[in-house]
């Protein structure tokens, strides 16, 4: 399901992470930092509570290793790491296509 993301220019790796922070599926050369998903889940929960929001769509983090797009997939989070913020549109489109949302 996430393998096609590696065909997108600039994508370094992608990982599907379950609600406990365990990797369900990974593609790419690098091993994802699974603590990122656990921390992001806590931050998203806090933001949702503060804003009275019931759902979220995407979260972009620009960290030392480069930008990372977090996308909810049911109870899982898809982490997509890529090379440059200029690639964000292309990466978001590829993620939506891989998830069958396009």
PDB file of N, CA and C in Angstrom:
ATOM      1  N   UNK A   1       0.811  -1.198   0.000  1.00  0.00           N
ATOM      2  CA  UNK A   1       0.000   0.000   0.000  1.00  0.00           C
ATOM      3  C   UNK A   1       0.857   1.265   0.000  1.00  0.00           C
ATOM      4  N   UNK A   2       1.932   1.305   0.801  1.00  0.00           N
ATOM      5  CA  UNK A   2       2.749   2.520   0.847  1.00  0.00           C
ATOM      6  C   UNK A   2       3.995   2.429  -0.024  1.00  0.00           C
ATOM      7  N   UNK A   3       4.230   1.273  -0.636  1.00  0.00           N
ATOM      8  CA  UNK A   3       5.407   1.096  -1.488  1.00  0.00           C
ATOM      9  C   UNK A   3       5.496   2.125  -2.611  1.00  0.00           C
ATOM     10  N   UNK A   4       4.373   2.509  -3.259  1.00  0.00           N
ATOM     11  CA  UNK A   4       4.461   3.488  -4.341  1.00  0.00           C
ATOM     12  C   UNK A   4       5.012   4.848  -3.909  1.00  0.00           C
ATOM     13  N   UNK A   5       4.982   5.139  -2.622  1.00  0.00           N
ATOM     14  CA  UNK A   5       5.524   6.420  -2.160  1.00  0.00           C
ATOM     15  C   UNK A   5       7.015   6.546  -2.440  1.00  0.00           C
ATOM     16  N   UNK A   6       7.706   5.415  -2.519  1.00  0.00           N
ATOM     17  CA  UNK A   6       9.142   5.455  -2.782  1.00  0.00           C
ATOM     18  C   UNK A   6       9.446   5.851  -4.226  1.00  0.00           C
ATOM     19  N   UNK A   7       8.438   5.865  -5.086  1.00  0.00           N
ATOM     20  CA  UNK A   7       8.618   6.306  -6.471  1.00  0.00           C
ATOM     21  C   UNK A   7       8.480   7.812  -6.613  1.00  0.00           C
ATOM     22  N   UNK A   8       8.113   8.491  -5.540  1.00  0.00           N
ATOM     23  CA  UNK A   8       7.922   9.941  -5.567  1.00  0.00           C
ATOM     24  C   UNK A   8       9.264  10.617  -5.307  1.00  0.00           C
ATOM     25  N   UNK A   9       9.630  11.511  -6.189  1.00  0.00           N
ATOM     26  CA  UNK A   9      10.905  12.211  -6.048  1.00  0.00           C
ATOM     27  C   UNK A   9      10.973  12.927  -4.698  1.00  0.00           C
ATOM     28  N   UNK A  10      12.037  12.671  -3.954  1.00  0.00           N
ATOM     29  CA  UNK A  10      12.256  13.341  -2.686  1.00  0.00           C
ATOM     30  C   UNK A  10      11.856  12.546  -1.455  1.00  0.00           C
ATOM     31  N   UNK A  11      11.033  11.517  -1.607  1.00  0.00           N
ATOM     32  CA  UNK A  11      10.618  10.732  -0.443  1.00  0.00           C
ATOM     33  C   UNK A  11      11.785   9.867   0.002  1.00  0.00           C
ATOM     34  N   UNK A  12      12.105   9.939   1.298  1.00  0.00           N
ATOM     35  CA  UNK A  12      13.207   9.158   1.863  1.00  0.00           C
ATOM     36  C   UNK A  12      12.726   7.856   2.475  1.00  0.00           C
ATOM     37  N   UNK A  13      11.612   7.908   3.185  1.00  0.00           N
ATOM     38  CA  UNK A  13      11.014   6.693   3.732  1.00  0.00           C
ATOM     39  C   UNK A  13       9.567   6.963   4.113  1.00  0.00           C
ATOM     40  N   UNK A  14       8.821   5.899   4.304  1.00  0.00           N
ATOM     41  CA  UNK A  14       7.442   5.989   4.791  1.00  0.00           C
ATOM     42  C   UNK A  14       7.217   4.823   5.735  1.00  0.00           C
ATOM     43  N   UNK A  15       6.410   5.059   6.751  1.00  0.00           N
ATOM     44  CA  UNK A  15       6.124   4.010   7.723  1.00  0.00           C
ATOM     45  C   UNK A  15       4.701   4.154   8.231  1.00  0.00           C
ATOM     46  N   UNK A  16       4.020   3.037   8.359  1.00  0.00           N
ATOM     47  CA  UNK A  16       2.706   2.995   8.980  1.00  0.00           C
ATOM     48  C   UNK A  16       2.938   2.564  10.423  1.00  0.00           C
ATOM     49  N   UNK A  17       2.411   3.341  11.359  1.00  0.00           N
ATOM     50  CA  UNK A  17       2.644   3.102  12.779  1.00  0.00           C
ATOM     51  C   UNK A  17       1.299   2.929  13.473  1.00  0.00           C
ATOM     52  N   UNK A  18       1.207   1.901  14.325  1.00  0.00           N
ATOM     53  CA  UNK A  18      -0.065   1.662  15.011  1.00  0.00           C
ATOM     54  C   UNK A  18      -0.204   2.579  16.230  1.00  0.00           C
ATOM     55  N   UNK A  19      -1.339   2.468  16.929  1.00  0.00           N
ATOM     56  CA  UNK A  19      -1.636   3.369  18.041  1.00  0.00           C
ATOM     57  C   UNK A  19      -0.685   3.200  19.222  1.00  0.00           C
ATOM     58  N   UNK A  20       0.015   2.082  19.294  1.00  0.00           N
ATOM     59  CA  UNK A  20       0.989   1.853  20.365  1.00  0.00           C
ATOM     60  C   UNK A  20       2.391   2.318  19.965  1.00  0.00           C
ATOM     61  N   UNK A  21       2.546   2.823  18.754  1.00  0.00           N
ATOM     62  CA  UNK A  21       3.843   3.300  18.293  1.00  0.00           C
ATOM     63  C   UNK A  21       4.709   2.236  17.655  1.00  0.00           C
ATOM     64  N   UNK A  22       4.105   1.096  17.303  1.00  0.00           N
ATOM     65  CA  UNK A  22       4.852   0.015  16.650  1.00  0.00           C
ATOM     66  C   UNK A  22       4.727   0.138  15.138  1.00  0.00           C
ATOM     67  N   UNK A  23       5.819  -0.158  14.453  1.00  0.00           N
ATOM     68  CA  UNK A  23       5.822  -0.124  12.992  1.00  0.00           C
ATOM     69  C   UNK A  23       5.016  -1.296  12.438  1.00  0.00           C
ATOM     70  N   UNK A  24       4.084  -0.988  11.560  1.00  0.00           N
ATOM     71  CA  UNK A  24       3.273  -2.004  10.898  1.00  0.00           C
ATOM     72  C   UNK A  24       3.858  -2.310   9.522  1.00  0.00           C
ATOM     73  N   UNK A  25       4.380  -1.275   8.878  1.00  0.00           N
ATOM     74  CA  UNK A  25       4.899  -1.394   7.520  1.00  0.00           C
ATOM     75  C   UNK A  25       5.899  -0.258   7.307  1.00  0.00           C
ATOM     76  N   UNK A  26       7.034  -0.545   6.673  1.00  0.00           N
ATOM     77  CA  UNK A  26       8.054   0.465   6.411  1.00  0.00           C
ATOM     78  C   UNK A  26       8.621   0.258   5.018  1.00  0.00           C
ATOM     79  N   UNK A  27       8.861   1.369   4.323  1.00  0.00           N
ATOM     80  CA  UNK A  27       9.555   1.325   3.037  1.00  0.00           C
ATOM     81  C   UNK A  27      10.622   2.415   3.039  1.00  0.00           C
ATOM     82  N   UNK A  28      11.703   2.159   2.323  1.00  0.00           N
ATOM     83  CA  UNK A  28      12.783   3.135   2.232  1.00  0.00           C
ATOM     84  C   UNK A  28      14.035   2.652   2.933  1.00  0.00           C
ATOM     85  N   UNK A  29      15.084   3.447   2.808  1.00  0.00           N
ATOM     86  CA  UNK A  29      16.394   3.080   3.325  1.00  0.00           C
ATOM     87  C   UNK A  29      16.556   3.322   4.823  1.00  0.00           C
ATOM     88  N   UNK A  30      15.857   4.311   5.351  1.00  0.00           N
ATOM     89  CA  UNK A  30      16.058   4.700   6.740  1.00  0.00           C
ATOM     90  C   UNK A  30      15.041   4.039   7.659  1.00  0.00           C
ATOM     91  N   UNK A  31      15.431   3.867   8.899  1.00  0.00           N
ATOM     92  CA  UNK A  31      14.516   3.371   9.914  1.00  0.00           C
ATOM     93  C   UNK A  31      13.846   4.576  10.561  1.00  0.00           C
ATOM     94  N   UNK A  32      12.521   4.618  10.540  1.00  0.00           N
ATOM     95  CA  UNK A  32      11.835   5.778  11.113  1.00  0.00           C
ATOM     96  C   UNK A  32      11.973   5.821  12.632  1.00  0.00           C
ATOM     97  N   UNK A  33      11.960   7.014  13.172  1.00  0.00           N
ATOM     98  CA  UNK A  33      11.961   7.204  14.622  1.00  0.00           C
ATOM     99  C   UNK A  33      10.522   7.041  15.093  1.00  0.00           C
ATOM    100  N   UNK A  34      10.218   5.907  15.682  1.00  0.00           N
ATOM    101  CA  UNK A  34       8.847   5.613  16.094  1.00  0.00           C
ATOM    102  C   UNK A  34       8.395   6.489  17.257  1.00  0.00           C
ATOM    103  N   UNK A  35       9.344   7.069  17.993  1.00  0.00           N
ATOM    104  CA  UNK A  35       8.971   8.012  19.049  1.00  0.00           C
ATOM    105  C   UNK A  35       8.282   9.235  18.469  1.00  0.00           C
ATOM    106  N   UNK A  36       8.595   9.545  17.226  1.00  0.00           N
ATOM    107  CA  UNK A  36       7.966  10.672  16.547  1.00  0.00           C
ATOM    108  C   UNK A  36       6.457  10.472  16.482  1.00  0.00           C
ATOM    109  N   UNK A  37       6.017   9.277  16.134  1.00  0.00           N
ATOM    110  CA  UNK A  37       4.581   9.005  16.027  1.00  0.00           C
ATOM    111  C   UNK A  37       3.902   9.072  17.385  1.00  0.00           C
ATOM    112  N   UNK A  38       4.547   8.542  18.409  1.00  0.00           N
ATOM    113  CA  UNK A  38       3.971   8.579  19.757  1.00  0.00           C
ATOM    114  C   UNK A  38       3.854  10.017  20.248  1.00  0.00           C
ATOM    115  N   UNK A  39       4.899  10.800  20.066  1.00  0.00           N
ATOM    116  CA  UNK A  39       4.885  12.205  20.484  1.00  0.00           C
ATOM    117  C   UNK A  39       3.870  13.006  19.680  1.00  0.00           C
ATOM    118  N   UNK A  40       3.821  12.749  18.379  1.00  0.00           N
ATOM    119  CA  UNK A  40       2.872  13.460  17.521  1.00  0.00           C
ATOM    120  C   UNK A  40       1.434  13.131  17.910  1.00  0.00           C
ATOM    121  N   UNK A  41       1.172  11.878  18.232  1.00  0.00           N
ATOM    122  CA  UNK A  41      -0.183  11.482  18.643  1.00  0.00           C
ATOM    123  C   UNK A  41      -0.610  12.251  19.899  1.00  0.00           C
ATOM    124  N   UNK A  42       0.305  12.403  20.858  1.00  0.00           N
ATOM    125  CA  UNK A  42       0.008  13.156  22.081  1.00  0.00           C
ATOM    126  C   UNK A  42      -0.240  14.629  21.762  1.00  0.00           C
ATOM    127  N   UNK A  43       0.597  15.194  20.886  1.00  0.00           N
ATOM    128  CA  UNK A  43       0.444  16.596  20.512  1.00  0.00           C
ATOM    129  C   UNK A  43      -0.871  16.821  19.767  1.00  0.00           C
ATOM    130  N   UNK A  44      -1.205  15.917  18.874  1.00  0.00           N
ATOM    131  CA  UNK A  44      -2.451  16.041  18.108  1.00  0.00           C
ATOM    132  C   UNK A  44      -3.647  15.958  19.049  1.00  0.00           C
ATOM    133  N   UNK A  45      -3.611  15.026  19.999  1.00  0.00           N
ATOM    134  CA  UNK A  45      -4.695  14.912  20.971  1.00  0.00           C
ATOM    135  C   UNK A  45      -4.873  16.191  21.763  1.00  0.00           C
ATOM    136  N   UNK A  46      -3.768  16.794  22.170  1.00  0.00           N
ATOM    137  CA  UNK A  46      -3.814  18.046  22.912  1.00  0.00           C
ATOM    138  C   UNK A  46      -4.392  19.175  22.069  1.00  0.00           C
ATOM    139  N   UNK A  47      -3.945  19.263  20.825  1.00  0.00           N
ATOM    140  CA  UNK A  47      -4.467  20.302  19.925  1.00  0.00           C
ATOM    141  C   UNK A  47      -5.950  20.104  19.635  1.00  0.00           C
ATOM    142  N   UNK A  48      -6.365  18.862  19.433  1.00  0.00           N
ATOM    143  CA  UNK A  48      -7.776  18.587  19.194  1.00  0.00           C
ATOM    144  C   UNK A  48      -8.615  19.008  20.391  1.00  0.00           C
ATOM    145  N   UNK A  49      -8.151  18.709  21.588  1.00  0.00           N
ATOM    146  CA  UNK A  49      -8.887  19.090  22.788  1.00  0.00           C
ATOM    147  C   UNK A  49      -8.974  20.607  22.915  1.00  0.00           C
ATOM    148  N   UNK A  50      -7.874  21.293  22.650  1.00  0.00           N
ATOM    149  CA  UNK A  50      -7.844  22.748  22.761  1.00  0.00           C
ATOM    150  C   UNK A  50      -8.748  23.425  21.740  1.00  0.00           C
ATOM    151  N   UNK A  51      -8.905  22.790  20.575  1.00  0.00           N
ATOM    152  CA  UNK A  51      -9.686  23.398  19.497  1.00  0.00           C
ATOM    153  C   UNK A  51     -11.064  22.760  19.324  1.00  0.00           C
ATOM    154  N   UNK A  52     -11.419  21.859  20.223  1.00  0.00           N
ATOM    155  CA  UNK A  52     -12.693  21.136  20.121  1.00  0.00           C
ATOM    156  C   UNK A  52     -12.861  20.478  18.755  1.00  0.00           C
ATOM    157  N   UNK A  53     -11.789  19.891  18.254  1.00  0.00           N
ATOM    158  CA  UNK A  53     -11.814  19.223  16.951  1.00  0.00           C
ATOM    159  C   UNK A  53     -11.956  17.720  17.170  1.00  0.00           C
ATOM    160  N   UNK A  54     -12.697  17.077  16.285  1.00  0.00           N
ATOM    161  CA  UNK A  54     -12.889  15.632  16.417  1.00  0.00           C
ATOM    162  C   UNK A  54     -11.980  14.823  15.504  1.00  0.00           C
ATOM    163  N   UNK A  55     -11.392  15.468  14.494  1.00  0.00           N
ATOM    164  CA  UNK A  55     -10.517  14.749  13.583  1.00  0.00           C
ATOM    165  C   UNK A  55      -9.409  15.666  13.110  1.00  0.00           C
ATOM    166  N   UNK A  56      -8.412  15.058  12.481  1.00  0.00           N
ATOM    167  CA  UNK A  56      -7.320  15.814  11.875  1.00  0.00           C
ATOM    168  C   UNK A  56      -6.999  15.190  10.537  1.00  0.00           C
ATOM    169  N   UNK A  57      -6.378  15.967   9.655  1.00  0.00           N
ATOM    170  CA  UNK A  57      -6.093  15.478   8.306  1.00  0.00           C
ATOM    171  C   UNK A  57      -4.612  15.197   8.083  1.00  0.00           C
ATOM    172  N   UNK A  58      -3.786  16.163   8.304  1.00  0.00           N
ATOM    173  CA  UNK A  58      -2.344  16.032   8.109  1.00  0.00           C
ATOM    174  C   UNK A  58      -1.638  16.911   9.126  1.00  0.00           C
ATOM    175  N   UNK A  59      -0.422  16.541   9.438  1.00  0.00           N
ATOM    176  CA  UNK A  59       0.434  17.372  10.287  1.00  0.00           C
ATOM    177  C   UNK A  59       1.811  17.370   9.650  1.00  0.00           C
ATOM    178  N   UNK A  60       2.345  18.550   9.401  1.00  0.00           N
ATOM    179  CA  UNK A  60       3.677  18.685   8.823  1.00  0.00           C
ATOM    180  C   UNK A  60       4.630  19.132   9.916  1.00  0.00           C
ATOM    181  N   UNK A  61       5.714  18.401  10.073  1.00  0.00           N
ATOM    182  CA  UNK A  61       6.771  18.778  11.000  1.00  0.00           C
ATOM    183  C   UNK A  61       8.040  18.987  10.194  1.00  0.00           C
ATOM    184  N   UNK A  62       8.691  20.120  10.418  1.00  0.00           N
ATOM    185  CA  UNK A  62       9.973  20.378   9.766  1.00  0.00           C
ATOM    186  C   UNK A  62      11.036  20.230  10.847  1.00  0.00           C
ATOM    187  N   UNK A  63      11.659  19.057  10.893  1.00  0.00           N
ATOM    188  CA  UNK A  63      12.616  18.741  11.945  1.00  0.00           C
ATOM    189  C   UNK A  63      14.027  18.683  11.361  1.00  0.00           C
ATOM    190  N   UNK A  64      15.008  18.456  12.225  1.00  0.00           N
ATOM    191  CA  UNK A  64      16.416  18.464  11.796  1.00  0.00           C
ATOM    192  C   UNK A  64      16.687  17.552  10.604  1.00  0.00           C
ATOM    193  N   UNK A  65      16.087  16.380  10.583  1.00  0.00           N
ATOM    194  CA  UNK A  65      16.327  15.431   9.508  1.00  0.00           C
ATOM    195  C   UNK A  65      15.587  15.750   8.227  1.00  0.00           C
ATOM    196  N   UNK A  66      14.765  16.790   8.234  1.00  0.00           N
ATOM    197  CA  UNK A  66      13.972  17.166   7.070  1.00  0.00           C
ATOM    198  C   UNK A  66      12.492  17.082   7.384  1.00  0.00           C
ATOM    199  N   UNK A  67      11.655  17.531   6.466  1.00  0.00           N
ATOM    200  CA  UNK A  67      10.221  17.545   6.716  1.00  0.00           C
ATOM    201  C   UNK A  67       9.620  16.142   6.798  1.00  0.00           C
ATOM    202  N   UNK A  68       8.599  16.026   7.640  1.00  0.00           N
ATOM    203  CA  UNK A  68       7.888  14.772   7.838  1.00  0.00           C
ATOM    204  C   UNK A  68       6.397  15.080   7.807  1.00  0.00           C
ATOM    205  N   UNK A  69       5.672  14.346   6.992  1.00  0.00           N
ATOM    206  CA  UNK A  69       4.218  14.496   6.906  1.00  0.00           C
ATOM    207  C   UNK A  69       3.580  13.336   7.661  1.00  0.00           C
ATOM    208  N   UNK A  70       2.704  13.659   8.601  1.00  0.00           N
ATOM    209  CA  UNK A  70       1.968  12.660   9.359  1.00  0.00           C
ATOM    210  C   UNK A  70       0.520  12.687   8.885  1.00  0.00           C
ATOM    211  N   UNK A  71       0.000  11.525   8.537  1.00  0.00           N
ATOM    212  CA  UNK A  71      -1.354  11.420   7.991  1.00  0.00           C
ATOM    213  C   UNK A  71      -2.096  10.310   8.727  1.00  0.00           C
ATOM    214  N   UNK A  72      -3.312  10.603   9.224  1.00  0.00           N
ATOM    215  CA  UNK A  72      -4.070   9.555   9.902  1.00  0.00           C
ATOM    216  C   UNK A  72      -4.619   8.536   8.904  1.00  0.00           C
ATOM    217  N   UNK A  73      -4.554   7.265   9.293  1.00  0.00           N
ATOM    218  CA  UNK A  73      -5.114   6.173   8.492  1.00  0.00           C
ATOM    219  C   UNK A  73      -5.844   5.272   9.485  1.00  0.00           C
ATOM    220  N   UNK A  74      -7.110   5.570   9.732  1.00  0.00           N
ATOM    221  CA  UNK A  74      -7.842   4.862  10.779  1.00  0.00           C
ATOM    222  C   UNK A  74      -7.180   5.153  12.110  1.00  0.00           C
ATOM    223  N   UNK A  75      -6.808   4.110  12.842  1.00  0.00           N
ATOM    224  CA  UNK A  75      -6.122   4.271  14.120  1.00  0.00           C
ATOM    225  C   UNK A  75      -4.607   4.357  13.956  1.00  0.00           C
ATOM    226  N   UNK A  76      -4.122   4.232  12.727  1.00  0.00           N
ATOM    227  CA  UNK A  76      -2.690   4.281  12.446  1.00  0.00           C
ATOM    228  C   UNK A  76      -2.285   5.681  11.995  1.00  0.00           C
ATOM    229  N   UNK A  77      -0.984   5.908  11.965  1.00  0.00           N
ATOM    230  CA  UNK A  77      -0.428   7.145  11.414  1.00  0.00           C
ATOM    231  C   UNK A  77       0.583   6.753  10.344  1.00  0.00           C
ATOM    232  N   UNK A  78       0.449   7.373   9.188  1.00  0.00           N
ATOM    233  CA  UNK A  78       1.425   7.202   8.118  1.00  0.00           C
ATOM    234  C   UNK A  78       2.448   8.328   8.243  1.00  0.00           C
ATOM    235  N   UNK A  79       3.705   7.956   8.400  1.00  0.00           N
ATOM    236  CA  UNK A  79       4.808   8.910   8.462  1.00  0.00           C
ATOM    237  C   UNK A  79       5.493   8.889   7.105  1.00  0.00           C
ATOM    238  N   UNK A  80       5.587  10.053   6.467  1.00  0.00           N
ATOM    239  CA  UNK A  80       6.283  10.155   5.186  1.00  0.00           C
ATOM    240  C   UNK A  80       7.366  11.215   5.329  1.00  0.00           C
ATOM    241  N   UNK A  81       8.614  10.796   5.254  1.00  0.00           N
ATOM    242  CA  UNK A  81       9.744  11.723   5.365  1.00  0.00           C
ATOM    243  C   UNK A  81      10.243  12.048   3.962  1.00  0.00           C
ATOM    244  N   UNK A  82      10.528  13.314   3.747  1.00  0.00           N
ATOM    245  CA  UNK A  82      10.984  13.728   2.410  1.00  0.00           C
ATOM    246  C   UNK A  82      12.061  14.785   2.526  1.00  0.00           C
ATOM    247  N   UNK A  83      12.617  15.173   1.389  1.00  0.00           N
ATOM    248  CA  UNK A  83      13.845  15.958   1.369  1.00  0.00           C
ATOM    249  C   UNK A  83      13.698  17.457   1.562  1.00  0.00           C
ATOM    250  N   UNK A  84      12.611  18.054   1.087  1.00  0.00           N
ATOM    251  CA  UNK A  84      12.528  19.509   1.063  1.00  0.00           C
ATOM    252  C   UNK A  84      11.079  19.953   1.114  1.00  0.00           C
ATOM    253  N   UNK A  85      10.810  21.047   1.804  1.00  0.00           N
ATOM    254  CA  UNK A  85       9.437  21.560   1.889  1.00  0.00           C
ATOM    255  C   UNK A  85       8.834  21.862   0.522  1.00  0.00           C
ATOM    256  N   UNK A  86       9.688  22.172  -0.449  1.00  0.00           N
ATOM    257  CA  UNK A  86       9.184  22.445  -1.793  1.00  0.00           C
ATOM    258  C   UNK A  86       8.490  21.226  -2.393  1.00  0.00           C
ATOM    259  N   UNK A  87       8.754  20.049  -1.869  1.00  0.00           N
ATOM    260  CA  UNK A  87       8.152  18.809  -2.362  1.00  0.00           C
ATOM    261  C   UNK A  87       6.812  18.493  -1.705  1.00  0.00           C
ATOM    262  N   UNK A  88       6.356  19.321  -0.778  1.00  0.00           N
ATOM    263  CA  UNK A  88       5.161  19.012   0.007  1.00  0.00           C
ATOM    264  C   UNK A  88       3.934  18.710  -0.844  1.00  0.00           C
ATOM    265  N   UNK A  89       3.639  19.517  -1.838  1.00  0.00           N
ATOM    266  CA  UNK A  89       2.460  19.280  -2.673  1.00  0.00           C
ATOM    267  C   UNK A  89       2.506  17.933  -3.369  1.00  0.00           C
ATOM    268  N   UNK A  90       3.643  17.621  -3.927  1.00  0.00           N
ATOM    269  CA  UNK A  90       3.827  16.351  -4.625  1.00  0.00           C
ATOM    270  C   UNK A  90       3.676  15.180  -3.644  1.00  0.00           C
ATOM    271  N   UNK A  91       4.251  15.309  -2.454  1.00  0.00           N
ATOM    272  CA  UNK A  91       4.180  14.249  -1.446  1.00  0.00           C
ATOM    273  C   UNK A  91       2.754  14.078  -0.945  1.00  0.00           C
ATOM    274  N   UNK A  92       2.062  15.164  -0.645  1.00  0.00           N
ATOM    275  CA  UNK A  92       0.672  15.061  -0.166  1.00  0.00           C
ATOM    276  C   UNK A  92      -0.215  14.388  -1.213  1.00  0.00           C
ATOM    277  N   UNK A  93      -0.034  14.737  -2.472  1.00  0.00           N
ATOM    278  CA  UNK A  93      -0.827  14.118  -3.530  1.00  0.00           C
ATOM    279  C   UNK A  93      -0.535  12.625  -3.605  1.00  0.00           C
ATOM    280  N   UNK A  94       0.740  12.250  -3.515  1.00  0.00           N
ATOM    281  CA  UNK A  94       1.120  10.840  -3.584  1.00  0.00           C
ATOM    282  C   UNK A  94       0.561  10.057  -2.389  1.00  0.00           C
ATOM    283  N   UNK A  95       0.568  10.660  -1.212  1.00  0.00           N
ATOM    284  CA  UNK A  95       0.003  10.006  -0.030  1.00  0.00           C
ATOM    285  C   UNK A  95      -1.485   9.786  -0.223  1.00  0.00           C
ATOM    286  N   UNK A  96      -2.196  10.801  -0.674  1.00  0.00           N
ATOM    287  CA  UNK A  96      -3.649  10.669  -0.897  1.00  0.00           C
ATOM    288  C   UNK A  96      -3.934   9.583  -1.947  1.00  0.00           C
ATOM    289  N   UNK A  97      -3.125   9.530  -2.989  1.00  0.00           N
ATOM    290  CA  UNK A  97      -3.311   8.509  -4.017  1.00  0.00           C
ATOM    291  C   UNK A  97      -3.052   7.107  -3.437  1.00  0.00           C
ATOM    292  N   UNK A  98      -1.993   6.972  -2.639  1.00  0.00           N
ATOM    293  CA  UNK A  98      -1.657   5.678  -2.047  1.00  0.00           C
ATOM    294  C   UNK A  98      -2.758   5.199  -1.087  1.00  0.00           C
ATOM    295  N   UNK A  99      -3.424   6.145  -0.442  1.00  0.00           N
ATOM    296  CA  UNK A  99      -4.486   5.810   0.507  1.00  0.00           C
ATOM    297  C   UNK A  99      -5.856   5.704  -0.166  1.00  0.00           C
ATOM    298  N   UNK A 100      -5.894   5.910  -1.484  1.00  0.00           N
ATOM    299  CA  UNK A 100      -7.152   5.804  -2.219  1.00  0.00           C
ATOM    300  C   UNK A 100      -8.085   6.976  -2.016  1.00  0.00           C
ATOM    301  N   UNK A 101      -7.536   8.139  -1.665  1.00  0.00           N
ATOM    302  CA  UNK A 101      -8.352   9.331  -1.426  1.00  0.00           C
ATOM    303  C   UNK A 101      -8.390  10.254  -2.633  1.00  0.00           C
ATOM    304  N   UNK A 102      -7.760   9.851  -3.734  1.00  0.00           N
ATOM    305  CA  UNK A 102      -7.759  10.656  -4.969  1.00  0.00           C
ATOM    306  C   UNK A 102      -8.309   9.813  -6.086  1.00  0.00           C
TER     307      UNK A 102
END
